[in-house]
Protein backbone atom coordinates (compact mmCIF):
# COMPACT_ATOMS: atom_id res chain seq x y z
CA MET A 1 10.72 -12.39 5.43
CA SER A 2 8.58 -9.70 6.84
CA THR A 3 5.17 -10.63 8.31
CA THR A 4 3.17 -8.99 5.67
CA ILE A 5 5.05 -10.88 3.15
CA LYS A 6 4.25 -13.79 5.27
CA LEU A 7 0.37 -13.22 5.36
CA PHE A 8 0.35 -12.68 1.42
CA ARG A 9 2.79 -14.42 -0.41
CA ASN A 10 0.70 -17.37 -1.73
CA ASP A 11 -2.59 -14.87 -2.67
CA GLU A 12 -3.98 -15.73 -5.34
CA ASN A 13 -5.83 -12.28 -5.72
CA ALA A 14 -2.58 -10.98 -6.75
CA GLU A 15 -2.35 -7.95 -9.55
CA PHE A 16 0.59 -7.74 -11.64
CA TYR A 17 1.73 -4.17 -13.39
CA GLN A 18 4.58 -3.20 -15.57
CA ALA A 19 6.49 0.11 -14.91
CA ASP A 20 4.54 3.15 -15.59
CA ASP A 21 1.10 1.73 -15.31
CA VAL A 22 -1.14 3.53 -13.03
CA ILE A 23 -2.43 1.45 -9.80
CA PHE A 24 -4.40 4.24 -8.57
CA LYS A 25 -4.57 7.74 -9.54
CA GLU A 26 -4.60 10.50 -6.78
CA GLY A 27 -8.37 11.57 -6.26
CA ASP A 28 -9.77 8.32 -7.67
CA GLN A 29 -12.12 6.48 -3.98
CA GLY A 30 -9.97 4.04 -2.32
CA ASP A 31 -11.47 0.80 -0.83
CA CYS A 32 -8.26 -0.92 -0.12
CA MET A 33 -4.36 -1.00 0.63
CA TYR A 34 -1.83 -2.84 -1.38
CA VAL A 35 1.06 -4.97 -0.27
CA ILE A 36 4.16 -5.52 -2.39
CA LEU A 37 5.13 -8.54 -3.04
CA GLU A 38 7.38 -8.13 -6.12
CA GLY A 39 9.06 -4.17 -7.62
CA GLU A 40 8.51 -0.81 -6.16
CA VAL A 41 6.32 1.57 -6.59
CA ARG A 42 5.80 5.00 -6.29
CA ILE A 43 3.99 7.77 -4.53
CA GLU A 44 3.59 11.09 -6.09
CA THR A 45 1.20 13.50 -6.38
CA THR A 46 0.22 16.09 -9.46
CA ASP A 47 3.14 18.46 -8.33
CA ARG A 48 5.57 16.44 -6.61
CA PHE A 49 7.04 12.93 -5.67
CA ILE A 50 6.62 11.53 -2.33
CA ASP A 51 8.61 7.93 -2.27
CA THR A 52 9.02 4.76 -3.96
CA ILE A 53 8.52 1.73 -2.07
CA SER A 54 9.25 -1.63 -2.11
CA GLU A 55 8.73 -5.30 -1.44
CA GLY A 56 7.20 -6.22 1.34
CA GLU A 57 5.84 -2.38 1.96
CA ILE A 58 2.43 -1.49 1.79
CA PHE A 59 0.81 1.62 0.25
CA GLY A 60 -3.02 2.99 0.10
CA GLU A 61 -3.93 2.12 3.74
CA MET A 62 -5.63 5.68 3.76
CA ALA A 63 -8.80 4.07 2.12
CA LEU A 64 -8.87 1.42 5.50
CA VAL A 65 -9.70 4.32 7.67
CA ASP A 66 -11.53 6.76 5.96
CA ASP A 67 -13.48 7.52 2.57
CA SER A 68 -11.51 10.59 1.37
CA PRO A 69 -10.36 10.31 -2.26
CA ARG A 70 -7.12 8.87 -2.67
CA SER A 71 -4.61 11.68 -1.08
CA ALA A 72 -1.23 10.13 -3.80
CA SER A 73 -1.21 8.37 -7.11
CA ALA A 74 0.13 5.08 -7.15
CA VAL A 75 2.23 4.01 -10.15
CA ALA A 76 4.36 1.14 -10.69
CA ALA A 77 8.25 2.10 -10.85
CA SER A 78 9.04 -1.63 -11.88
CA GLN A 79 7.11 -4.63 -13.15
CA CYS A 80 5.50 -5.53 -9.58
CA LYS A 81 3.47 -7.73 -7.88
CA VAL A 82 0.72 -6.43 -5.18
CA VAL A 83 -1.95 -7.47 -3.39
CA PRO A 84 -5.31 -5.90 -2.34
CA ILE A 85 -6.51 -5.75 1.29
CA ASP A 86 -10.12 -4.55 1.34
CA LYS A 87 -11.43 -3.60 4.85
CA SER A 88 -12.79 -7.15 5.32
CA ARG A 89 -9.40 -9.18 4.36
CA PHE A 90 -7.13 -6.61 6.63
CA THR A 91 -9.62 -7.51 9.75
CA ARG A 92 -9.29 -11.40 9.15
CA ALA A 93 -5.67 -10.23 9.03
CA THR A 94 -5.23 -8.80 12.23
CA GLN A 95 -7.26 -11.65 13.59
CA ILE A 96 -4.50 -13.81 12.16
CA ASN A 97 -1.93 -12.00 13.37
CA PRO A 98 -2.38 -8.90 15.77
CA TYR A 99 0.88 -7.56 14.99
CA PHE A 100 -0.05 -6.68 11.24
CA ALA A 101 -2.42 -3.70 12.74
CA LEU A 102 0.73 -2.44 14.91
CA GLN A 103 2.66 -2.59 11.66
CA VAL A 104 0.48 -0.74 9.35
CA MET A 105 -0.08 1.85 12.13
CA GLY A 106 3.56 2.01 12.98
CA ILE A 107 3.65 2.66 8.79
CA MET A 108 0.92 5.48 9.01
CA ALA A 109 2.31 7.12 11.70
CA GLN A 110 6.42 7.04 10.25
CA ARG A 111 4.83 8.57 6.46
CA LEU A 112 2.85 11.12 8.62
CA ARG A 113 6.36 12.31 10.27
CA ASN A 114 8.17 12.42 7.29
CA LEU A 115 5.62 15.01 5.40
CA MET A 116 5.86 17.09 8.37
CA GLU A 117 9.79 17.19 8.15
CA ALA A 118 9.37 17.94 4.40
């Protein structure tokens, strides 16, 4: 079980989505990232599929870095359970487990590399 899942697996703020439910839209104002506890989420823009991510992964993390609108949409690819993590919760999570912040930065760096190679 990943560190991310361990930190949030019993979270009372979990949200549930059915397949094809929109979690957020490209252009929306973002104020949190999400951890996937169950299921899969598609990340896409109006003109391109970016990725499908699953249990233990995060998405929407750019919202914790800047105040820009969402750069892509997140759509449930299956029934899923996600936990929203706002800046305050992110700060607390990194205090509990400093490695969590490094995980998030590593994910952001890898996604940037993937986009640059595409």
